[in-house]
């Protein structure tokens, strides 16, 4: 099952990051390939995403179920494909940290780096501006995502999934961080 993780340091307090991420309507449109989402309850929703994995382009509907709300520290969820044989899940973790602490960078092989670079080139990548001054409080936001494709094409899709998931995972975390830093600078 392909799994990717991305960590970034957000120059705002953990409570402010939690206040934003605990409501999916705030960040759902920031997902790579986002088409729409429908909230069915506080723990269940259906997400429609358009994704390109290698030469395959698909619109996938995923049922998301929150399995753990542990604010302001962590939220965990499962994902189940509604129109494709795919399942997975993930965790969003928030930890207070020193503002100068570097984000952990995942190690990727040369082929994965090439695919990640191509994905970022094709789908755009968020570059966060440097903060004018060091924030007094900061939060390490870590997003972990795992997906497993089933069916006859499952092994092929899984081989291409991790390199496609890695930039999407990083893009979401960086967009959330950029939005929060910009919002808090304005206040």
C-alpha atoms as a PDB file:
ATOM      1  CA  UNK A   1       0.000   0.000   0.000  1.00  0.00           C
ATOM      2  CA  UNK A   2       1.687   3.253  -1.097  1.00  0.00           C
ATOM      3  CA  UNK A   3       2.078   5.741   1.755  1.00  0.00           C
ATOM      4  CA  UNK A   4       3.482   9.263   1.716  1.00  0.00           C
ATOM      5  CA  UNK A   5       4.143  11.826   4.428  1.00  0.00           C
ATOM      6  CA  UNK A   6       4.839  15.536   4.259  1.00  0.00           C
ATOM      7  CA  UNK A   7       5.722  17.836   7.161  1.00  0.00           C
ATOM      8  CA  UNK A   8       5.928  21.599   7.149  1.00  0.00           C
ATOM      9  CA  UNK A   9       6.281  24.289   9.771  1.00  0.00           C
ATOM     10  CA  UNK A  10       3.426  26.793   9.885  1.00  0.00           C
ATOM     11  CA  UNK A  11       4.281  30.129  11.507  1.00  0.00           C
ATOM     12  CA  UNK A  12       1.078  30.274  13.580  1.00  0.00           C
ATOM     13  CA  UNK A  13      -0.006  28.684  16.898  1.00  0.00           C
ATOM     14  CA  UNK A  14      -1.399  25.149  16.881  1.00  0.00           C
ATOM     15  CA  UNK A  15      -4.853  26.266  18.067  1.00  0.00           C
ATOM     16  CA  UNK A  16      -5.163  28.563  15.026  1.00  0.00           C
ATOM     17  CA  UNK A  17      -4.126  25.751  12.662  1.00  0.00           C
ATOM     18  CA  UNK A  18      -6.636  23.397  14.313  1.00  0.00           C
ATOM     19  CA  UNK A  19      -9.429  25.975  14.060  1.00  0.00           C
ATOM     20  CA  UNK A  20      -8.854  26.018  10.295  1.00  0.00           C
ATOM     21  CA  UNK A  21      -8.312  22.303   9.554  1.00  0.00           C
ATOM     22  CA  UNK A  22     -11.098  20.941  11.774  1.00  0.00           C
ATOM     23  CA  UNK A  23     -13.608  22.286   9.220  1.00  0.00           C
ATOM     24  CA  UNK A  24     -13.097  20.458   5.911  1.00  0.00           C
ATOM     25  CA  UNK A  25     -14.945  23.201   4.028  1.00  0.00           C
ATOM     26  CA  UNK A  26     -11.955  25.503   4.710  1.00  0.00           C
ATOM     27  CA  UNK A  27      -9.327  23.386   2.974  1.00  0.00           C
ATOM     28  CA  UNK A  28     -11.185  20.931   0.722  1.00  0.00           C
ATOM     29  CA  UNK A  29     -10.840  23.161  -2.380  1.00  0.00           C
ATOM     30  CA  UNK A  30      -7.058  23.165  -1.823  1.00  0.00           C
ATOM     31  CA  UNK A  31      -6.788  19.451  -2.724  1.00  0.00           C
ATOM     32  CA  UNK A  32      -5.066  18.650  -6.002  1.00  0.00           C
ATOM     33  CA  UNK A  33      -7.735  17.667  -8.520  1.00  0.00           C
ATOM     34  CA  UNK A  34     -10.598  18.871  -6.316  1.00  0.00           C
ATOM     35  CA  UNK A  35     -13.985  18.826  -8.035  1.00  0.00           C
ATOM     36  CA  UNK A  36     -16.415  18.885  -5.089  1.00  0.00           C
ATOM     37  CA  UNK A  37     -17.228  17.394  -1.712  1.00  0.00           C
ATOM     38  CA  UNK A  38     -20.497  16.674   0.057  1.00  0.00           C
ATOM     39  CA  UNK A  39     -20.635  16.590   3.846  1.00  0.00           C
ATOM     40  CA  UNK A  40     -23.030  13.897   5.045  1.00  0.00           C
ATOM     41  CA  UNK A  41     -22.310  14.283   8.785  1.00  0.00           C
ATOM     42  CA  UNK A  42     -19.560  15.517  11.098  1.00  0.00           C
ATOM     43  CA  UNK A  43     -17.595  12.334  10.387  1.00  0.00           C
ATOM     44  CA  UNK A  44     -18.655  11.323   6.873  1.00  0.00           C
ATOM     45  CA  UNK A  45     -18.338  12.980   3.483  1.00  0.00           C
ATOM     46  CA  UNK A  46     -17.912  12.103  -0.193  1.00  0.00           C
ATOM     47  CA  UNK A  47     -15.055  13.694  -2.159  1.00  0.00           C
ATOM     48  CA  UNK A  48     -14.851  13.943  -5.951  1.00  0.00           C
ATOM     49  CA  UNK A  49     -11.296  14.325  -7.263  1.00  0.00           C
ATOM     50  CA  UNK A  50      -9.856  14.241 -10.757  1.00  0.00           C
ATOM     51  CA  UNK A  51      -6.492  12.566 -10.806  1.00  0.00           C
ATOM     52  CA  UNK A  52      -3.796  11.740 -13.286  1.00  0.00           C
ATOM     53  CA  UNK A  53      -1.687   8.713 -12.393  1.00  0.00           C
ATOM     54  CA  UNK A  54       0.803   8.177 -15.174  1.00  0.00           C
ATOM     55  CA  UNK A  55      -1.197   7.792 -18.376  1.00  0.00           C
ATOM     56  CA  UNK A  56      -4.429   7.150 -16.477  1.00  0.00           C
ATOM     57  CA  UNK A  57      -6.801  10.077 -15.910  1.00  0.00           C
ATOM     58  CA  UNK A  58      -9.797   9.347 -13.706  1.00  0.00           C
ATOM     59  CA  UNK A  59     -12.494  11.057 -11.707  1.00  0.00           C
ATOM     60  CA  UNK A  60     -12.752   9.201  -8.426  1.00  0.00           C
ATOM     61  CA  UNK A  61     -15.347   9.489  -5.691  1.00  0.00           C
ATOM     62  CA  UNK A  62     -14.048   8.685  -2.234  1.00  0.00           C
ATOM     63  CA  UNK A  63     -16.115   8.158   0.894  1.00  0.00           C
ATOM     64  CA  UNK A  64     -14.163   9.741   3.753  1.00  0.00           C
ATOM     65  CA  UNK A  65     -14.865   8.684   7.324  1.00  0.00           C
ATOM     66  CA  UNK A  66     -13.208  10.399  10.291  1.00  0.00           C
ATOM     67  CA  UNK A  67     -12.113   7.696  12.713  1.00  0.00           C
ATOM     68  CA  UNK A  68     -10.478   9.964  15.293  1.00  0.00           C
ATOM     69  CA  UNK A  69     -10.930  13.609  16.299  1.00  0.00           C
ATOM     70  CA  UNK A  70      -8.263  14.434  18.859  1.00  0.00           C
ATOM     71  CA  UNK A  71      -8.063  18.222  18.649  1.00  0.00           C
ATOM     72  CA  UNK A  72      -5.916  20.143  18.545  1.00  0.00           C
ATOM     73  CA  UNK A  73      -3.439  17.339  17.945  1.00  0.00           C
ATOM     74  CA  UNK A  74      -4.676  14.865  15.362  1.00  0.00           C
ATOM     75  CA  UNK A  75      -7.430  13.754  13.007  1.00  0.00           C
ATOM     76  CA  UNK A  76      -7.420  10.338  11.318  1.00  0.00           C
ATOM     77  CA  UNK A  77      -9.644   9.131   8.499  1.00  0.00           C
ATOM     78  CA  UNK A  78     -10.353   6.263   6.136  1.00  0.00           C
ATOM     79  CA  UNK A  79     -11.056   6.526   2.398  1.00  0.00           C
ATOM     80  CA  UNK A  80     -13.123   4.091   0.341  1.00  0.00           C
ATOM     81  CA  UNK A  81     -13.572   4.343  -3.423  1.00  0.00           C
ATOM     82  CA  UNK A  82     -17.177   4.647  -4.538  1.00  0.00           C
ATOM     83  CA  UNK A  83     -16.575   4.267  -8.272  1.00  0.00           C
ATOM     84  CA  UNK A  84     -13.067   2.755  -8.263  1.00  0.00           C
ATOM     85  CA  UNK A  85     -11.581  -0.174  -6.310  1.00  0.00           C
ATOM     86  CA  UNK A  86      -9.407   1.915  -3.990  1.00  0.00           C
ATOM     87  CA  UNK A  87      -9.111   2.287  -0.235  1.00  0.00           C
ATOM     88  CA  UNK A  88      -6.815   4.004   2.179  1.00  0.00           C
ATOM     89  CA  UNK A  89      -6.677   6.625   4.847  1.00  0.00           C
ATOM     90  CA  UNK A  90      -4.496   9.121   6.540  1.00  0.00           C
ATOM     91  CA  UNK A  91      -3.664  11.289   9.499  1.00  0.00           C
ATOM     92  CA  UNK A  92      -3.161  15.009   9.978  1.00  0.00           C
ATOM     93  CA  UNK A  93      -0.983  15.744  12.999  1.00  0.00           C
ATOM     94  CA  UNK A  94      -0.307  19.136  14.603  1.00  0.00           C
ATOM     95  CA  UNK A  95       2.605  19.615  17.000  1.00  0.00           C
ATOM     96  CA  UNK A  96       3.921  22.801  18.598  1.00  0.00           C
ATOM     97  CA  UNK A  97       7.510  23.435  17.548  1.00  0.00           C
ATOM     98  CA  UNK A  98      10.275  25.966  17.420  1.00  0.00           C
ATOM     99  CA  UNK A  99       9.768  28.305  14.439  1.00  0.00           C
ATOM    100  CA  UNK A 100      13.229  27.536  13.074  1.00  0.00           C
ATOM    101  CA  UNK A 101      12.784  23.745  13.171  1.00  0.00           C
ATOM    102  CA  UNK A 102      13.252  22.312   9.664  1.00  0.00           C
ATOM    103  CA  UNK A 103      10.509  20.207   8.141  1.00  0.00           C
ATOM    104  CA  UNK A 104      11.314  16.537   7.630  1.00  0.00           C
ATOM    105  CA  UNK A 105      11.771  15.765   3.959  1.00  0.00           C
ATOM    106  CA  UNK A 106      10.834  12.296   2.715  1.00  0.00           C
ATOM    107  CA  UNK A 107      13.556  10.351   0.895  1.00  0.00           C
ATOM    108  CA  UNK A 108      12.656   9.381  -2.666  1.00  0.00           C
ATOM    109  CA  UNK A 109      14.524   7.495  -5.333  1.00  0.00           C
ATOM    110  CA  UNK A 110      15.494   9.115  -8.659  1.00  0.00           C
ATOM    111  CA  UNK A 111      12.450   7.786 -10.549  1.00  0.00           C
ATOM    112  CA  UNK A 112      10.054   8.962  -7.813  1.00  0.00           C
ATOM    113  CA  UNK A 113      11.744  12.406  -7.779  1.00  0.00           C
ATOM    114  CA  UNK A 114      11.354  12.647 -11.571  1.00  0.00           C
ATOM    115  CA  UNK A 115       7.654  11.742 -11.406  1.00  0.00           C
ATOM    116  CA  UNK A 116       7.128  14.148  -8.490  1.00  0.00           C
ATOM    117  CA  UNK A 117       8.840  16.938 -10.446  1.00  0.00           C
ATOM    118  CA  UNK A 118       6.704  16.245 -13.540  1.00  0.00           C
ATOM    119  CA  UNK A 119       3.518  16.149 -11.438  1.00  0.00           C
ATOM    120  CA  UNK A 120       4.412  19.463  -9.770  1.00  0.00           C
ATOM    121  CA  UNK A 121       5.225  20.984 -13.160  1.00  0.00           C
ATOM    122  CA  UNK A 122       1.914  19.875 -14.670  1.00  0.00           C
ATOM    123  CA  UNK A 123      -0.277  20.731 -11.683  1.00  0.00           C
ATOM    124  CA  UNK A 124       1.482  23.762 -10.268  1.00  0.00           C
ATOM    125  CA  UNK A 125       3.134  23.926  -6.899  1.00  0.00           C
ATOM    126  CA  UNK A 126       2.714  26.422  -4.098  1.00  0.00           C
ATOM    127  CA  UNK A 127       5.746  28.434  -3.102  1.00  0.00           C
ATOM    128  CA  UNK A 128       5.340  30.077   0.297  1.00  0.00           C
ATOM    129  CA  UNK A 129       6.838  33.520   0.782  1.00  0.00           C
ATOM    130  CA  UNK A 130       9.342  33.847   3.603  1.00  0.00           C
ATOM    131  CA  UNK A 131       7.998  35.334   6.797  1.00  0.00           C
ATOM    132  CA  UNK A 132       9.121  38.926   7.438  1.00  0.00           C
ATOM    133  CA  UNK A 133       9.977  38.049  11.035  1.00  0.00           C
ATOM    134  CA  UNK A 134      10.256  34.842  12.989  1.00  0.00           C
ATOM    135  CA  UNK A 135       6.925  33.944  14.583  1.00  0.00           C
ATOM    136  CA  UNK A 136       6.763  33.474  18.348  1.00  0.00           C
ATOM    137  CA  UNK A 137       4.746  30.271  17.998  1.00  0.00           C
ATOM    138  CA  UNK A 138       4.818  27.708  15.238  1.00  0.00           C
ATOM    139  CA  UNK A 139       3.186  24.384  14.431  1.00  0.00           C
ATOM    140  CA  UNK A 140       4.551  21.360  12.648  1.00  0.00           C
ATOM    141  CA  UNK A 141       1.779  20.131  10.339  1.00  0.00           C
ATOM    142  CA  UNK A 142       2.326  16.542   9.175  1.00  0.00           C
ATOM    143  CA  UNK A 143       0.040  14.930   6.620  1.00  0.00           C
ATOM    144  CA  UNK A 144       0.243  11.172   6.002  1.00  0.00           C
ATOM    145  CA  UNK A 145      -1.765   9.563   3.207  1.00  0.00           C
ATOM    146  CA  UNK A 146      -1.954   5.930   2.143  1.00  0.00           C
ATOM    147  CA  UNK A 147      -3.933   4.477  -0.739  1.00  0.00           C
ATOM    148  CA  UNK A 148      -4.256   0.986  -2.164  1.00  0.00           C
ATOM    149  CA  UNK A 149      -5.780   0.348  -5.586  1.00  0.00           C
ATOM    150  CA  UNK A 150      -7.502  -2.979  -6.126  1.00  0.00           C
ATOM    151  CA  UNK A 151      -8.806  -4.807  -9.152  1.00  0.00           C
ATOM    152  CA  UNK A 152      -6.924  -6.110 -12.166  1.00  0.00           C
ATOM    153  CA  UNK A 153      -5.036  -2.816 -12.643  1.00  0.00           C
ATOM    154  CA  UNK A 154      -4.262  -2.471  -8.903  1.00  0.00           C
ATOM    155  CA  UNK A 155      -0.575  -3.435  -8.992  1.00  0.00           C
ATOM    156  CA  UNK A 156       0.119  -1.113 -11.933  1.00  0.00           C
ATOM    157  CA  UNK A 157      -1.803   1.787 -10.383  1.00  0.00           C
ATOM    158  CA  UNK A 158      -0.084   1.255  -7.008  1.00  0.00           C
ATOM    159  CA  UNK A 159       3.327   1.423  -8.704  1.00  0.00           C
ATOM    160  CA  UNK A 160       2.458   4.883 -10.050  1.00  0.00           C
ATOM    161  CA  UNK A 161       0.399   6.048  -7.069  1.00  0.00           C
ATOM    162  CA  UNK A 162       3.111   6.984  -4.534  1.00  0.00           C
ATOM    163  CA  UNK A 163       4.986   9.347  -6.889  1.00  0.00           C
ATOM    164  CA  UNK A 164       1.661  11.049  -7.719  1.00  0.00           C
ATOM    165  CA  UNK A 165       0.523  11.156  -4.083  1.00  0.00           C
ATOM    166  CA  UNK A 166       3.729  12.702  -2.748  1.00  0.00           C
ATOM    167  CA  UNK A 167       3.435  16.094  -4.502  1.00  0.00           C
ATOM    168  CA  UNK A 168      -0.328  16.179  -3.855  1.00  0.00           C
ATOM    169  CA  UNK A 169       0.257  15.583  -0.145  1.00  0.00           C
ATOM    170  CA  UNK A 170       2.961  18.261  -0.028  1.00  0.00           C
ATOM    171  CA  UNK A 171       0.823  20.670  -2.057  1.00  0.00           C
ATOM    172  CA  UNK A 172      -2.101  20.411   0.371  1.00  0.00           C
ATOM    173  CA  UNK A 173       0.086  20.926   3.451  1.00  0.00           C
ATOM    174  CA  UNK A 174       1.900  23.891   1.867  1.00  0.00           C
ATOM    175  CA  UNK A 175      -1.363  25.519   0.695  1.00  0.00           C
ATOM    176  CA  UNK A 176      -2.826  25.248   4.204  1.00  0.00           C
ATOM    177  CA  UNK A 177       0.378  26.708   5.675  1.00  0.00           C
ATOM    178  CA  UNK A 178       0.511  29.558   3.142  1.00  0.00           C
ATOM    179  CA  UNK A 179      -3.149  30.437   3.709  1.00  0.00           C
ATOM    180  CA  UNK A 180      -2.784  30.480   7.498  1.00  0.00           C
ATOM    181  CA  UNK A 181       0.438  32.500   7.448  1.00  0.00           C
ATOM    182  CA  UNK A 182      -1.079  35.049   5.061  1.00  0.00           C
ATOM    183  CA  UNK A 183      -4.274  35.284   7.120  1.00  0.00           C
ATOM    184  CA  UNK A 184      -2.373  35.744  10.380  1.00  0.00           C
ATOM    185  CA  UNK A 185      -0.031  38.341   8.877  1.00  0.00           C
ATOM    186  CA  UNK A 186      -3.082  40.390   7.868  1.00  0.00           C
ATOM    187  CA  UNK A 187      -4.350  40.460  11.471  1.00  0.00           C
END
